[in-house]
PDB file of N, CA and C in Angstrom:
ATOM      1  N   MET A   1     -14.436   6.091 -38.241  1.00  0.00           N
ATOM      2  CA  MET A   1     -14.566   4.688 -38.311  1.00  0.00           C
ATOM      3  C   MET A   1     -12.807   4.487 -37.991  1.00  0.00           C
ATOM      4  N   GLU A   2     -12.161   4.755 -38.955  1.00  0.00           N
ATOM      5  CA  GLU A   2     -10.892   4.450 -38.770  1.00  0.00           C
ATOM      6  C   GLU A   2     -10.549   4.303 -37.279  1.00  0.00           C
ATOM      7  N   LEU A   3     -10.177   4.773 -36.764  1.00  0.00           N
ATOM      8  CA  LEU A   3      -9.993   5.225 -35.353  1.00  0.00           C
ATOM      9  C   LEU A   3     -10.660   4.399 -34.464  1.00  0.00           C
ATOM     10  N   TYR A   4     -11.988   3.916 -34.644  1.00  0.00           N
ATOM     11  CA  TYR A   4     -12.430   3.142 -33.485  1.00  0.00           C
ATOM     12  C   TYR A   4     -12.476   2.076 -33.089  1.00  0.00           C
ATOM     13  N   ILE A   5     -12.451   0.908 -34.390  1.00  0.00           N
ATOM     14  CA  ILE A   5     -12.088  -0.236 -34.457  1.00  0.00           C
ATOM     15  C   ILE A   5     -10.633  -0.543 -33.983  1.00  0.00           C
ATOM     16  N   PRO A   6      -9.388  -0.196 -34.321  1.00  0.00           N
ATOM     17  CA  PRO A   6      -8.039  -0.319 -33.658  1.00  0.00           C
ATOM     18  C   PRO A   6      -8.045   0.303 -32.360  1.00  0.00           C
ATOM     19  N   SER A   7      -9.064   1.181 -31.517  1.00  0.00           N
ATOM     20  CA  SER A   7      -8.704   1.340 -30.239  1.00  0.00           C
ATOM     21  C   SER A   7      -9.815   0.487 -29.161  1.00  0.00           C
ATOM     22  N   LEU A   8     -10.302   0.469 -30.289  1.00  0.00           N
ATOM     23  CA  LEU A   8     -11.476  -1.273 -29.575  1.00  0.00           C
ATOM     24  C   LEU A   8     -10.432  -2.145 -29.710  1.00  0.00           C
ATOM     25  N   LEU A   9      -9.724  -2.225 -30.451  1.00  0.00           N
ATOM     26  CA  LEU A   9      -8.898  -4.325 -30.199  1.00  0.00           C
ATOM     27  C   LEU A   9      -7.728  -4.037 -29.301  1.00  0.00           C
ATOM     28  N   VAL A  10      -7.281  -2.516 -29.159  1.00  0.00           N
ATOM     29  CA  VAL A  10      -6.766  -2.437 -28.031  1.00  0.00           C
ATOM     30  C   VAL A  10      -7.127  -2.583 -26.453  1.00  0.00           C
ATOM     31  N   LEU A  11      -7.983  -2.134 -26.668  1.00  0.00           N
ATOM     32  CA  LEU A  11      -9.158  -2.454 -25.123  1.00  0.00           C
ATOM     33  C   LEU A  11      -9.524  -3.936 -24.682  1.00  0.00           C
ATOM     34  N   LEU A  12      -9.786  -4.414 -26.007  1.00  0.00           N
ATOM     35  CA  LEU A  12     -10.203  -5.617 -26.273  1.00  0.00           C
ATOM     36  C   LEU A  12      -8.841  -6.837 -25.764  1.00  0.00           C
ATOM     37  N   PHE A  13      -7.983  -6.594 -26.439  1.00  0.00           N
ATOM     38  CA  PHE A  13      -6.636  -7.201 -25.980  1.00  0.00           C
ATOM     39  C   PHE A  13      -5.883  -7.110 -24.241  1.00  0.00           C
ATOM     40  N   ALA A  14      -6.251  -5.462 -24.490  1.00  0.00           N
ATOM     41  CA  ALA A  14      -5.645  -5.161 -22.135  1.00  0.00           C
ATOM     42  C   ALA A  14      -6.520  -5.874 -21.941  1.00  0.00           C
ATOM     43  N   GLY A  15      -8.318  -6.031 -22.212  1.00  0.00           N
ATOM     44  CA  GLY A  15      -8.607  -6.938 -21.370  1.00  0.00           C
ATOM     45  C   GLY A  15      -8.681  -8.142 -20.661  1.00  0.00           C
ATOM     46  N   ILE A  16      -8.393  -9.057 -21.986  1.00  0.00           N
ATOM     47  CA  ILE A  16      -7.650 -10.415 -22.146  1.00  0.00           C
ATOM     48  C   ILE A  16      -6.191 -10.582 -21.441  1.00  0.00           C
ATOM     49  N   VAL A  17      -5.778  -9.711 -21.444  1.00  0.00           N
ATOM     50  CA  VAL A  17      -4.132  -9.325 -20.647  1.00  0.00           C
ATOM     51  C   VAL A  17      -5.123  -9.291 -19.169  1.00  0.00           C
ATOM     52  N   ILE A  18      -5.147  -8.729 -19.017  1.00  0.00           N
ATOM     53  CA  ILE A  18      -5.662  -7.848 -17.705  1.00  0.00           C
ATOM     54  C   ILE A  18      -6.369  -9.071 -16.913  1.00  0.00           C
ATOM     55  N   PHE A  19      -7.451  -9.738 -17.135  1.00  0.00           N
ATOM     56  CA  PHE A  19      -8.174 -10.579 -16.318  1.00  0.00           C
ATOM     57  C   PHE A  19      -8.063 -12.164 -16.771  1.00  0.00           C
ATOM     58  N   TYR A  20      -6.792 -12.513 -17.634  1.00  0.00           N
ATOM     59  CA  TYR A  20      -6.845 -14.218 -17.855  1.00  0.00           C
ATOM     60  C   TYR A  20      -4.936 -14.263 -17.873  1.00  0.00           C
ATOM     61  N   LEU A  21      -4.546 -13.387 -18.463  1.00  0.00           N
ATOM     62  CA  LEU A  21      -3.282 -13.780 -18.392  1.00  0.00           C
ATOM     63  C   LEU A  21      -2.277 -12.736 -16.730  1.00  0.00           C
ATOM     64  N   LEU A  22      -2.943 -12.256 -16.812  1.00  0.00           N
ATOM     65  CA  LEU A  22      -1.767 -11.324 -16.044  1.00  0.00           C
ATOM     66  C   LEU A  22      -2.379 -12.342 -13.898  1.00  0.00           C
ATOM     67  N   PRO A  23      -3.282 -12.815 -14.120  1.00  0.00           N
ATOM     68  CA  PRO A  23      -3.275 -13.645 -13.053  1.00  0.00           C
ATOM     69  C   PRO A  23      -2.693 -14.882 -12.527  1.00  0.00           C
ATOM     70  N   ASN A  24      -2.297 -15.022 -13.535  1.00  0.00           N
ATOM     71  CA  ASN A  24      -1.135 -16.483 -13.783  1.00  0.00           C
ATOM     72  C   ASN A  24      -0.053 -16.049 -13.221  1.00  0.00           C
ATOM     73  N   PHE A  25       0.566 -14.793 -13.280  1.00  0.00           N
ATOM     74  CA  PHE A  25       2.328 -14.454 -13.448  1.00  0.00           C
ATOM     75  C   PHE A  25       2.519 -13.781 -11.553  1.00  0.00           C
ATOM     76  N   SER A  26       3.410 -14.408 -11.297  1.00  0.00           N
ATOM     77  CA  SER A  26       3.769 -14.131 -10.015  1.00  0.00           C
ATOM     78  C   SER A  26       3.962 -12.573  -9.628  1.00  0.00           C
ATOM     79  N   SER A  27       3.637 -12.299  -8.482  1.00  0.00           N
ATOM     80  CA  SER A  27       3.908 -11.045  -8.548  1.00  0.00           C
ATOM     81  C   SER A  27       5.459 -10.277  -8.989  1.00  0.00           C
ATOM     82  N   THR A  28       6.538 -11.310  -8.485  1.00  0.00           N
ATOM     83  CA  THR A  28       7.794 -11.037  -8.641  1.00  0.00           C
ATOM     84  C   THR A  28       8.084 -10.418  -9.753  1.00  0.00           C
ATOM     85  N   PHE A  29       7.365 -11.419 -10.841  1.00  0.00           N
ATOM     86  CA  PHE A  29       7.780 -11.445 -12.393  1.00  0.00           C
ATOM     87  C   PHE A  29       7.057 -10.351 -12.883  1.00  0.00           C
ATOM     88  N   ILE A  30       5.350  -9.763 -12.106  1.00  0.00           N
ATOM     89  CA  ILE A  30       5.193  -8.203 -12.321  1.00  0.00           C
ATOM     90  C   ILE A  30       5.893  -7.286 -12.238  1.00  0.00           C
ATOM     91  N   GLY A  31       6.431  -7.205 -10.604  1.00  0.00           N
ATOM     92  CA  GLY A  31       7.368  -6.251 -10.510  1.00  0.00           C
ATOM     93  C   GLY A  31       8.501  -5.888 -11.650  1.00  0.00           C
ATOM     94  N   ILE A  32       9.228  -7.052 -11.780  1.00  0.00           N
ATOM     95  CA  ILE A  32      10.480  -7.038 -12.651  1.00  0.00           C
ATOM     96  C   ILE A  32      10.200  -6.366 -14.060  1.00  0.00           C
ATOM     97  N   VAL A  33       9.116  -6.516 -14.105  1.00  0.00           N
ATOM     98  CA  VAL A  33       8.343  -6.225 -15.714  1.00  0.00           C
ATOM     99  C   VAL A  33       7.902  -5.018 -15.701  1.00  0.00           C
ATOM    100  N   ILE A  34       7.301  -4.241 -14.229  1.00  0.00           N
ATOM    101  CA  ILE A  34       7.519  -3.349 -14.140  1.00  0.00           C
ATOM    102  C   ILE A  34       8.385  -1.980 -14.094  1.00  0.00           C
ATOM    103  N   ILE A  35       9.401  -2.604 -13.275  1.00  0.00           N
ATOM    104  CA  ILE A  35      10.579  -1.930 -12.895  1.00  0.00           C
ATOM    105  C   ILE A  35      11.235  -1.555 -14.347  1.00  0.00           C
ATOM    106  N   ALA A  36      11.338  -2.634 -15.189  1.00  0.00           N
ATOM    107  CA  ALA A  36      12.096  -2.709 -16.814  1.00  0.00           C
ATOM    108  C   ALA A  36      11.482  -1.435 -17.315  1.00  0.00           C
ATOM    109  N   MET A  37      10.338  -1.714 -17.744  1.00  0.00           N
ATOM    110  CA  MET A  37       9.378  -0.679 -18.476  1.00  0.00           C
ATOM    111  C   MET A  37       9.397   0.373 -18.354  1.00  0.00           C
ATOM    112  N   LEU A  38       9.609   0.834 -16.461  1.00  0.00           N
ATOM    113  CA  LEU A  38       9.679   2.456 -16.227  1.00  0.00           C
ATOM    114  C   LEU A  38      11.323   2.767 -16.309  1.00  0.00           C
ATOM    115  N   VAL A  39      12.055   1.664 -16.213  1.00  0.00           N
ATOM    116  CA  VAL A  39      12.924   2.335 -16.755  1.00  0.00           C
ATOM    117  C   VAL A  39      13.626   2.597 -18.222  1.00  0.00           C
ATOM    118  N   ILE A  40      12.710   1.762 -18.893  1.00  0.00           N
ATOM    119  CA  ILE A  40      12.933   1.820 -20.962  1.00  0.00           C
ATOM    120  C   ILE A  40      12.272   2.851 -20.685  1.00  0.00           C
ATOM    121  N   VAL A  41      10.998   3.332 -20.068  1.00  0.00           N
ATOM    122  CA  VAL A  41       9.994   4.651 -20.863  1.00  0.00           C
ATOM    123  C   VAL A  41      10.944   5.836 -20.290  1.00  0.00           C
ATOM    124  N   ALA A  42      11.501   5.810 -18.849  1.00  0.00           N
ATOM    125  CA  ALA A  42      12.428   6.813 -18.939  1.00  0.00           C
ATOM    126  C   ALA A  42      13.903   7.208 -19.433  1.00  0.00           C
ATOM    127  N   TYR A  43      14.743   6.162 -19.943  1.00  0.00           N
ATOM    128  CA  TYR A  43      15.350   6.527 -20.983  1.00  0.00           C
ATOM    129  C   TYR A  43      15.064   7.238 -22.608  1.00  0.00           C
ATOM    130  N   GLU A  44      13.994   6.515 -23.009  1.00  0.00           N
ATOM    131  CA  GLU A  44      12.821   7.537 -24.148  1.00  0.00           C
ATOM    132  C   GLU A  44      12.701   8.496 -23.649  1.00  0.00           C
ATOM    133  N   HIS A  45      12.094   8.822 -22.716  1.00  0.00           N
ATOM    134  CA  HIS A  45      11.532   9.869 -22.503  1.00  0.00           C
ATOM    135  C   HIS A  45      13.259  11.215 -22.502  1.00  0.00           C
ATOM    136  N   ARG A  46      13.987  10.420 -21.977  1.00  0.00           N
ATOM    137  CA  ARG A  46      15.149  11.458 -21.765  1.00  0.00           C
ATOM    138  C   ARG A  46      15.650  11.571 -22.937  1.00  0.00           C
ATOM    139  N   TYR A  47      16.065  10.557 -23.800  1.00  0.00           N
ATOM    140  CA  TYR A  47      16.135  10.624 -25.382  1.00  0.00           C
ATOM    141  C   TYR A  47      15.723  11.616 -26.211  1.00  0.00           C
ATOM    142  N   TYR A  48      14.561  11.497 -26.392  1.00  0.00           N
ATOM    143  CA  TYR A  48      13.538  12.422 -27.345  1.00  0.00           C
ATOM    144  C   TYR A  48      13.024  14.010 -26.813  1.00  0.00           C
ATOM    145  N   PHE A  49      13.367  14.368 -25.540  1.00  0.00           N
ATOM    146  CA  PHE A  49      12.887  15.404 -25.042  1.00  0.00           C
ATOM    147  C   PHE A  49      14.428  15.824 -24.569  1.00  0.00           C
ATOM    148  N   LYS A  50      15.984  15.361 -25.078  1.00  0.00           N
ATOM    149  CA  LYS A  50      16.828  16.370 -24.976  1.00  0.00           C
ATOM    150  C   LYS A  50      16.796  17.838 -24.842  1.00  0.00           C
ATOM    151  N   ASP A  51      16.621  17.964 -25.921  1.00  0.00           N
ATOM    152  CA  ASP A  51      16.418  19.499 -26.588  1.00  0.00           C
ATOM    153  C   ASP A  51      15.868  20.736 -25.524  1.00  0.00           C
ATOM    154  N   GLU A  52      14.550  19.802 -25.032  1.00  0.00           N
ATOM    155  CA  GLU A  52      13.689  20.955 -24.833  1.00  0.00           C
ATOM    156  C   GLU A  52      13.802  20.581 -22.614  1.00  0.00           C
ATOM    157  N   TYR A  53      15.087  19.643 -22.340  1.00  0.00           N
ATOM    158  CA  TYR A  53      15.577  19.580 -21.015  1.00  0.00           C
ATOM    159  C   TYR A  53      16.990  20.903 -21.111  1.00  0.00           C
ATOM    160  N   ALA A  54      17.668  21.013 -21.953  1.00  0.00           N
ATOM    161  CA  ALA A  54      18.707  21.367 -22.304  1.00  0.00           C
ATOM    162  C   ALA A  54      17.893  23.270 -21.899  1.00  0.00           C
ATOM    163  N   LEU A  55      17.232  23.514 -22.897  1.00  0.00           N
ATOM    164  CA  LEU A  55      16.559  24.829 -23.019  1.00  0.00           C
ATOM    165  C   LEU A  55      15.620  25.254 -21.605  1.00  0.00           C
ATOM    166  N   SER A  56      14.939  24.067 -20.823  1.00  0.00           N
ATOM    167  CA  SER A  56      14.600  24.870 -20.123  1.00  0.00           C
ATOM    168  C   SER A  56      15.218  25.305 -19.201  1.00  0.00           C
ATOM    169  N   THR A  57      15.103  26.489 -17.787  1.00  0.00           N
ATOM    170  CA  THR A  57      16.001  27.159 -17.443  1.00  0.00           C
ATOM    171  C   THR A  57      15.379  27.658 -15.765  1.00  0.00           C
ATOM    172  N   TRP A  58      14.073  27.309 -16.045  1.00  0.00           N
ATOM    173  CA  TRP A  58      12.862  28.264 -14.711  1.00  0.00           C
ATOM    174  C   TRP A  58      13.086  27.575 -13.452  1.00  0.00           C
ATOM    175  N   GLN A  59      13.821  26.199 -12.945  1.00  0.00           N
ATOM    176  CA  GLN A  59      13.793  25.609 -12.525  1.00  0.00           C
ATOM    177  C   GLN A  59      15.218  25.981 -11.645  1.00  0.00           C
ATOM    178  N   GLU A  60      16.227  26.533 -12.094  1.00  0.00           N
ATOM    179  CA  GLU A  60      17.703  27.347 -11.753  1.00  0.00           C
ATOM    180  C   GLU A  60      17.771  28.082 -10.923  1.00  0.00           C
ATOM    181  N   SER A  61      16.245  29.039 -11.005  1.00  0.00           N
ATOM    182  CA  SER A  61      16.758  29.985  -9.884  1.00  0.00           C
ATOM    183  C   SER A  61      15.546  28.549  -8.308  1.00  0.00           C
ATOM    184  N   ILE A  62      15.069  28.402  -8.633  1.00  0.00           N
ATOM    185  CA  ILE A  62      14.282  27.665  -7.546  1.00  0.00           C
ATOM    186  C   ILE A  62      15.223  26.470  -6.785  1.00  0.00           C
ATOM    187  N   LYS A  63      16.696  25.859  -7.241  1.00  0.00           N
ATOM    188  CA  LYS A  63      17.999  25.538  -6.828  1.00  0.00           C
ATOM    189  C   LYS A  63      18.497  25.926  -5.712  1.00  0.00           C
ATOM    190  N   ALA A  64      18.669  27.169  -5.467  1.00  0.00           N
ATOM    191  CA  ALA A  64      19.285  28.126  -4.996  1.00  0.00           C
ATOM    192  C   ALA A  64      18.346  27.998  -3.053  1.00  0.00           C
ATOM    193  N   GLY A  65      17.304  27.740  -3.226  1.00  0.00           N
ATOM    194  CA  GLY A  65      16.798  27.698  -1.870  1.00  0.00           C
ATOM    195  C   GLY A  65      16.290  26.446  -1.532  1.00  0.00           C
ATOM    196  N   ALA A  66      16.137  25.566  -2.873  1.00  0.00           N
ATOM    197  CA  ALA A  66      16.252  23.868  -2.568  1.00  0.00           C
ATOM    198  C   ALA A  66      17.071  23.418  -0.911  1.00  0.00           C
ATOM    199  N   LEU A  67      18.420  23.720  -0.866  1.00  0.00           N
ATOM    200  CA  LEU A  67      18.812  23.017   0.028  1.00  0.00           C
ATOM    201  C   LEU A  67      18.490  23.157   1.405  1.00  0.00           C
ATOM    202  N   PRO A  68      18.743  24.549   1.688  1.00  0.00           N
ATOM    203  CA  PRO A  68      17.787  25.076   2.973  1.00  0.00           C
ATOM    204  C   PRO A  68      16.474  24.555   3.783  1.00  0.00           C
ATOM    205  N   ILE A  69      15.890  24.038   2.595  1.00  0.00           N
ATOM    206  CA  ILE A  69      14.020  24.273   2.952  1.00  0.00           C
ATOM    207  C   ILE A  69      14.476  22.094   3.253  1.00  0.00           C
ATOM    208  N   VAL A  70      15.391  21.861   2.575  1.00  0.00           N
ATOM    209  CA  VAL A  70      15.460  20.237   2.173  1.00  0.00           C
ATOM    210  C   VAL A  70      16.021  19.850   4.159  1.00  0.00           C
ATOM    211  N   GLY A  71      17.049  20.694   4.294  1.00  0.00           N
ATOM    212  CA  GLY A  71      17.700  20.618   5.588  1.00  0.00           C
ATOM    213  C   GLY A  71      16.750  21.270   6.930  1.00  0.00           C
ATOM    214  N   VAL A  72      16.331  21.348   6.370  1.00  0.00           N
ATOM    215  CA  VAL A  72      15.227  22.322   7.646  1.00  0.00           C
ATOM    216  C   VAL A  72      13.879  20.491   7.747  1.00  0.00           C
ATOM    217  N   ILE A  73      13.282  20.203   6.917  1.00  0.00           N
ATOM    218  CA  ILE A  73      12.243  19.625   6.799  1.00  0.00           C
ATOM    219  C   ILE A  73      13.431  17.885   7.158  1.00  0.00           C
ATOM    220  N   LEU A  74      14.364  17.492   6.623  1.00  0.00           N
ATOM    221  CA  LEU A  74      15.190  16.373   7.238  1.00  0.00           C
ATOM    222  C   LEU A  74      15.772  16.749   8.724  1.00  0.00           C
ATOM    223  N   THR A  75      15.747  17.682   8.876  1.00  0.00           N
ATOM    224  CA  THR A  75      16.760  18.269  10.973  1.00  0.00           C
ATOM    225  C   THR A  75      14.881  17.675  11.207  1.00  0.00           C
ATOM    226  N   ILE A  76      13.768  18.412  10.877  1.00  0.00           N
ATOM    227  CA  ILE A  76      12.722  18.077  11.641  1.00  0.00           C
ATOM    228  C   ILE A  76      12.093  16.338  11.719  1.00  0.00           C
ATOM    229  N   PHE A  77      12.429  15.874  10.486  1.00  0.00           N
ATOM    230  CA  PHE A  77      12.352  14.241  10.443  1.00  0.00           C
ATOM    231  C   PHE A  77      13.173  13.658  11.900  1.00  0.00           C
ATOM    232  N   ILE A  78      14.502  13.794  11.484  1.00  0.00           N
ATOM    233  CA  ILE A  78      15.377  13.052  12.652  1.00  0.00           C
ATOM    234  C   ILE A  78      15.285  13.440  13.816  1.00  0.00           C
ATOM    235  N   LEU A  79      14.819  14.701  14.271  1.00  0.00           N
ATOM    236  CA  LEU A  79      14.633  15.326  15.686  1.00  0.00           C
ATOM    237  C   LEU A  79      13.397  14.117  16.213  1.00  0.00           C
ATOM    238  N   GLY A  80      12.229  14.233  15.348  1.00  0.00           N
ATOM    239  CA  GLY A  80      10.925  13.596  15.494  1.00  0.00           C
ATOM    240  C   GLY A  80      11.378  11.678  15.884  1.00  0.00           C
ATOM    241  N   TRP A  81      11.945  11.485  14.640  1.00  0.00           N
ATOM    242  CA  TRP A  81      12.470  10.297  15.010  1.00  0.00           C
ATOM    243  C   TRP A  81      13.305   9.798  15.746  1.00  0.00           C
ATOM    244  N   MET A  82      14.078  11.234  16.842  1.00  0.00           N
ATOM    245  CA  MET A  82      15.059  10.469  17.731  1.00  0.00           C
ATOM    246  C   MET A  82      14.339  10.599  19.173  1.00  0.00           C
ATOM    247  N   LEU A  83      13.145  11.837  19.365  1.00  0.00           N
ATOM    248  CA  LEU A  83      12.019  11.446  20.116  1.00  0.00           C
ATOM    249  C   LEU A  83      11.347  10.636  20.510  1.00  0.00           C
ATOM    250  N   ASN A  84      11.287   9.478  19.902  1.00  0.00           N
ATOM    251  CA  ASN A  84      10.229   8.037  19.541  1.00  0.00           C
ATOM    252  C   ASN A  84      11.091   7.585  20.584  1.00  0.00           C
ATOM    253  N   PHE A  85      12.576   7.794  20.647  1.00  0.00           N
ATOM    254  CA  PHE A  85      13.652   6.752  21.685  1.00  0.00           C
ATOM    255  C   PHE A  85      13.213   7.363  23.285  1.00  0.00           C
ATOM    256  N   ILE A  86      13.127   8.532  23.441  1.00  0.00           N
ATOM    257  CA  ILE A  86      13.132   9.132  24.762  1.00  0.00           C
ATOM    258  C   ILE A  86      12.103   8.184  24.972  1.00  0.00           C
ATOM    259  N   ASP A  87      12.271   8.019  26.874  1.00  0.00           N
ATOM    260  CA  ASP A  87      10.975   7.893  27.723  1.00  0.00           C
ATOM    261  C   ASP A  87       9.795   8.822  28.170  1.00  0.00           C
ATOM    262  N   SER A  88       9.023   8.702  27.739  1.00  0.00           N
ATOM    263  CA  SER A  88       7.939  10.314  28.561  1.00  0.00           C
ATOM    264  C   SER A  88       7.774   9.639  29.783  1.00  0.00           C
ATOM    265  N   GLY A  89       7.781   8.357  30.279  1.00  0.00           N
ATOM    266  CA  GLY A  89       7.314   8.459  31.829  1.00  0.00           C
ATOM    267  C   GLY A  89       5.990   8.065  31.847  1.00  0.00           C
ATOM    268  N   VAL A  90       5.221   7.473  31.108  1.00  0.00           N
ATOM    269  CA  VAL A  90       3.948   7.167  31.055  1.00  0.00           C
ATOM    270  C   VAL A  90       4.170   5.562  31.015  1.00  0.00           C
ATOM    271  N   ARG A  91       3.295   5.083  31.526  1.00  0.00           N
ATOM    272  CA  ARG A  91       3.300   3.612  31.455  1.00  0.00           C
ATOM    273  C   ARG A  91       2.225   3.523  31.009  1.00  0.00           C
ATOM    274  N   SER A  92       2.095   2.133  30.183  1.00  0.00           N
ATOM    275  CA  SER A  92       0.746   1.626  29.880  1.00  0.00           C
ATOM    276  C   SER A  92       0.211   0.475  31.101  1.00  0.00           C
ATOM    277  N   THR A  93      -1.122   0.745  30.830  1.00  0.00           N
ATOM    278  CA  THR A  93      -2.029   0.096  31.649  1.00  0.00           C
ATOM    279  C   THR A  93      -2.050  -1.382  31.394  1.00  0.00           C
ATOM    280  N   THR A  94      -1.889  -2.149  30.556  1.00  0.00           N
ATOM    281  CA  THR A  94      -1.396  -3.669  30.273  1.00  0.00           C
ATOM    282  C   THR A  94      -0.266  -4.224  30.572  1.00  0.00           C
ATOM    283  N   THR A  95      -0.540  -5.443  31.414  1.00  0.00           N
ATOM    284  CA  THR A  95       0.375  -6.350  32.562  1.00  0.00           C
ATOM    285  C   THR A  95       1.231  -7.035  31.566  1.00  0.00           C
ATOM    286  N   SER A  96       2.574  -6.413  31.303  1.00  0.00           N
ATOM    287  CA  SER A  96       3.400  -6.904  30.779  1.00  0.00           C
ATOM    288  C   SER A  96       2.809  -7.757  29.111  1.00  0.00           C
ATOM    289  N   GLY A  97       1.844  -6.774  28.491  1.00  0.00           N
ATOM    290  CA  GLY A  97       1.940  -6.886  27.225  1.00  0.00           C
ATOM    291  C   GLY A  97       0.493  -8.417  27.125  1.00  0.00           C
ATOM    292  N   ILE A  98       0.309  -8.698  28.490  1.00  0.00           N
ATOM    293  CA  ILE A  98      -0.632  -9.897  28.104  1.00  0.00           C
ATOM    294  C   ILE A  98      -2.216  -9.349  28.470  1.00  0.00           C
ATOM    295  N   THR A  99      -3.220  -9.503  27.539  1.00  0.00           N
ATOM    296  CA  THR A  99      -4.408  -9.283  27.614  1.00  0.00           C
ATOM    297  C   THR A  99      -5.191 -10.196  28.086  1.00  0.00           C
ATOM    298  N   THR A 100      -6.184 -10.001  28.258  1.00  0.00           N
ATOM    299  CA  THR A 100      -7.535 -10.653  28.757  1.00  0.00           C
ATOM    300  C   THR A 100      -8.413 -10.853  28.237  1.00  0.00           C
ATOM    301  N   ARG A 101      -9.149 -11.906  27.700  1.00  0.00           N
ATOM    302  CA  ARG A 101     -10.432 -12.004  26.608  1.00  0.00           C
ATOM    303  C   ARG A 101     -11.894 -11.610  27.568  1.00  0.00           C
ATOM    304  N   LEU A 102     -12.340 -10.868  27.214  1.00  0.00           N
ATOM    305  CA  LEU A 102     -13.781 -10.740  28.484  1.00  0.00           C
ATOM    306  C   LEU A 102     -14.942 -11.725  28.062  1.00  0.00           C
ATOM    307  N   SER A 103     -15.207 -12.669  29.181  1.00  0.00           N
ATOM    308  CA  SER A 103     -15.956 -14.091  29.193  1.00  0.00           C
ATOM    309  C   SER A 103     -17.395 -13.242  29.199  1.00  0.00           C
ATOM    310  N   ALA A 104     -18.262 -14.292  28.694  1.00  0.00           N
ATOM    311  CA  ALA A 104     -19.506 -13.945  28.274  1.00  0.00           C
ATOM    312  C   ALA A 104     -20.038 -14.288  29.795  1.00  0.00           C
ATOM    313  N   PRO A 105     -21.014 -14.101  30.137  1.00  0.00           N
ATOM    314  CA  PRO A 105     -22.009 -14.090  31.557  1.00  0.00           C
ATOM    315  C   PRO A 105     -22.058 -15.385  31.563  1.00  0.00           C
ATOM    316  N   ARG A 106     -21.988 -15.699  32.826  1.00  0.00           N
ATOM    317  CA  ARG A 106     -22.121 -17.024  32.980  1.00  0.00           C
ATOM    318  C   ARG A 106     -24.084 -17.651  32.935  1.00  0.00           C
ATOM    319  N   THR A 107     -24.171 -18.277  32.311  1.00  0.00           N
ATOM    320  CA  THR A 107     -25.372 -18.805  32.893  1.00  0.00           C
ATOM    321  C   THR A 107     -25.516 -20.327  33.446  1.00  0.00           C
ATOM    322  N   ASN A 108     -27.093 -20.711  33.711  1.00  0.00           N
ATOM    323  CA  ASN A 108     -27.174 -22.161  34.297  1.00  0.00           C
ATOM    324  C   ASN A 108     -26.699 -23.268  33.314  1.00  0.00           C
ATOM    325  N   MET A 109     -25.588 -23.827  33.029  1.00  0.00           N
ATOM    326  CA  MET A 109     -25.526 -24.505  32.397  1.00  0.00           C
ATOM    327  C   MET A 109     -25.796 -26.380  32.108  1.00  0.00           C
ATOM    328  N   ASN A 110     -26.017 -26.232  33.426  1.00  0.00           N
ATOM    329  CA  ASN A 110     -26.668 -28.157  33.947  1.00  0.00           C
ATOM    330  C   ASN A 110     -27.681 -28.871  33.667  1.00  0.00           C
ATOM    331  N   TYR A 111     -27.473 -28.703  31.918  1.00  0.00           N
ATOM    332  CA  TYR A 111     -28.358 -29.400  31.573  1.00  0.00           C
ATOM    333  C   TYR A 111     -27.751 -31.329  31.294  1.00  0.00           C
ATOM    334  N   ASN A 112     -28.465 -32.442  31.473  1.00  0.00           N
ATOM    335  CA  ASN A 112     -28.572 -33.163  30.903  1.00  0.00           C
ATOM    336  C   ASN A 112     -28.667 -34.169  29.522  1.00  0.00           C
ATOM    337  N   THR A 113     -28.481 -35.003  28.960  1.00  0.00           N
ATOM    338  CA  THR A 113     -28.474 -35.261  27.856  1.00  0.00           C
ATOM    339  C   THR A 113     -30.094 -35.155  27.475  1.00  0.00           C
ATOM    340  N   GLY A 114     -30.541 -36.002  28.294  1.00  0.00           N
ATOM    341  CA  GLY A 114     -32.447 -35.985  28.228  1.00  0.00           C
ATOM    342  C   GLY A 114     -33.135 -34.921  27.799  1.00  0.00           C
ATOM    343  N   GLN A 115     -32.644 -33.574  28.755  1.00  0.00           N
ATOM    344  CA  GLN A 115     -32.921 -32.876  29.181  1.00  0.00           C
ATOM    345  C   GLN A 115     -32.836 -32.134  27.571  1.00  0.00           C
ATOM    346  N   VAL A 116     -31.677 -32.210  26.836  1.00  0.00           N
ATOM    347  CA  VAL A 116     -31.610 -31.699  25.736  1.00  0.00           C
ATOM    348  C   VAL A 116     -32.089 -31.702  24.942  1.00  0.00           C
ATOM    349  N   ARG A 117     -32.656 -33.502  24.579  1.00  0.00           N
ATOM    350  CA  ARG A 117     -32.826 -34.255  23.463  1.00  0.00           C
ATOM    351  C   ARG A 117     -34.545 -33.808  23.546  1.00  0.00           C
ATOM    352  N   SER A 118     -34.881 -33.855  24.861  1.00  0.00           N
ATOM    353  CA  SER A 118     -36.092 -33.379  25.181  1.00  0.00           C
ATOM    354  C   SER A 118     -36.898 -32.313  24.725  1.00  0.00           C
ATOM    355  N   LEU A 119     -35.835 -31.352  24.925  1.00  0.00           N
ATOM    356  CA  LEU A 119     -36.091 -29.563  24.196  1.00  0.00           C
ATOM    357  C   LEU A 119     -36.052 -30.133  22.769  1.00  0.00           C
ATOM    358  N   VAL A 120     -35.770 -31.087  21.881  1.00  0.00           N
ATOM    359  CA  VAL A 120     -34.861 -30.970  20.548  1.00  0.00           C
ATOM    360  C   VAL A 120     -36.411 -31.533  19.552  1.00  0.00           C
ATOM    361  N   ARG A 121     -36.810 -32.276  20.464  1.00  0.00           N
ATOM    362  CA  ARG A 121     -38.226 -32.869  20.045  1.00  0.00           C
ATOM    363  C   ARG A 121     -38.813 -32.022  20.468  1.00  0.00           C
ATOM    364  N   ASN A 122     -39.579 -31.795  21.367  1.00  0.00           N
ATOM    365  CA  ASN A 122     -40.695 -31.088  21.751  1.00  0.00           C
ATOM    366  C   ASN A 122     -40.192 -29.075  22.033  1.00  0.00           C
ATOM    367  N   PRO A 123     -40.213 -28.689  21.179  1.00  0.00           N
ATOM    368  CA  PRO A 123     -39.982 -27.140  21.472  1.00  0.00           C
ATOM    369  C   PRO A 123     -40.801 -26.455  22.485  1.00  0.00           C
TER     370      PRO A 123
END
């Protein structure tokens, strides 16, 4: 019972914040708060786990092969980006970017006002 009530209160508080307070804030303010919280959490994480990062050596063997792999991937992306600027010779079928709307089939629309009123009164 000790763990149930505090977690229920945290859940209730989170619901109040999400459904009542958060919609009233601007997206710019929310973005700034999110970025600030991310920076603070990253700093705290790095501070608390500094020793584990110093003792971790498994990624040292990956560093040697990472540069060629990243270079190949970057070269492929740059070549793909440059190929977008080359004219392929295929022309578009649209006429100078202007599109025409399809019109509905035309029916006989020669009704006078008297005919329309008679149809409304006597279906």
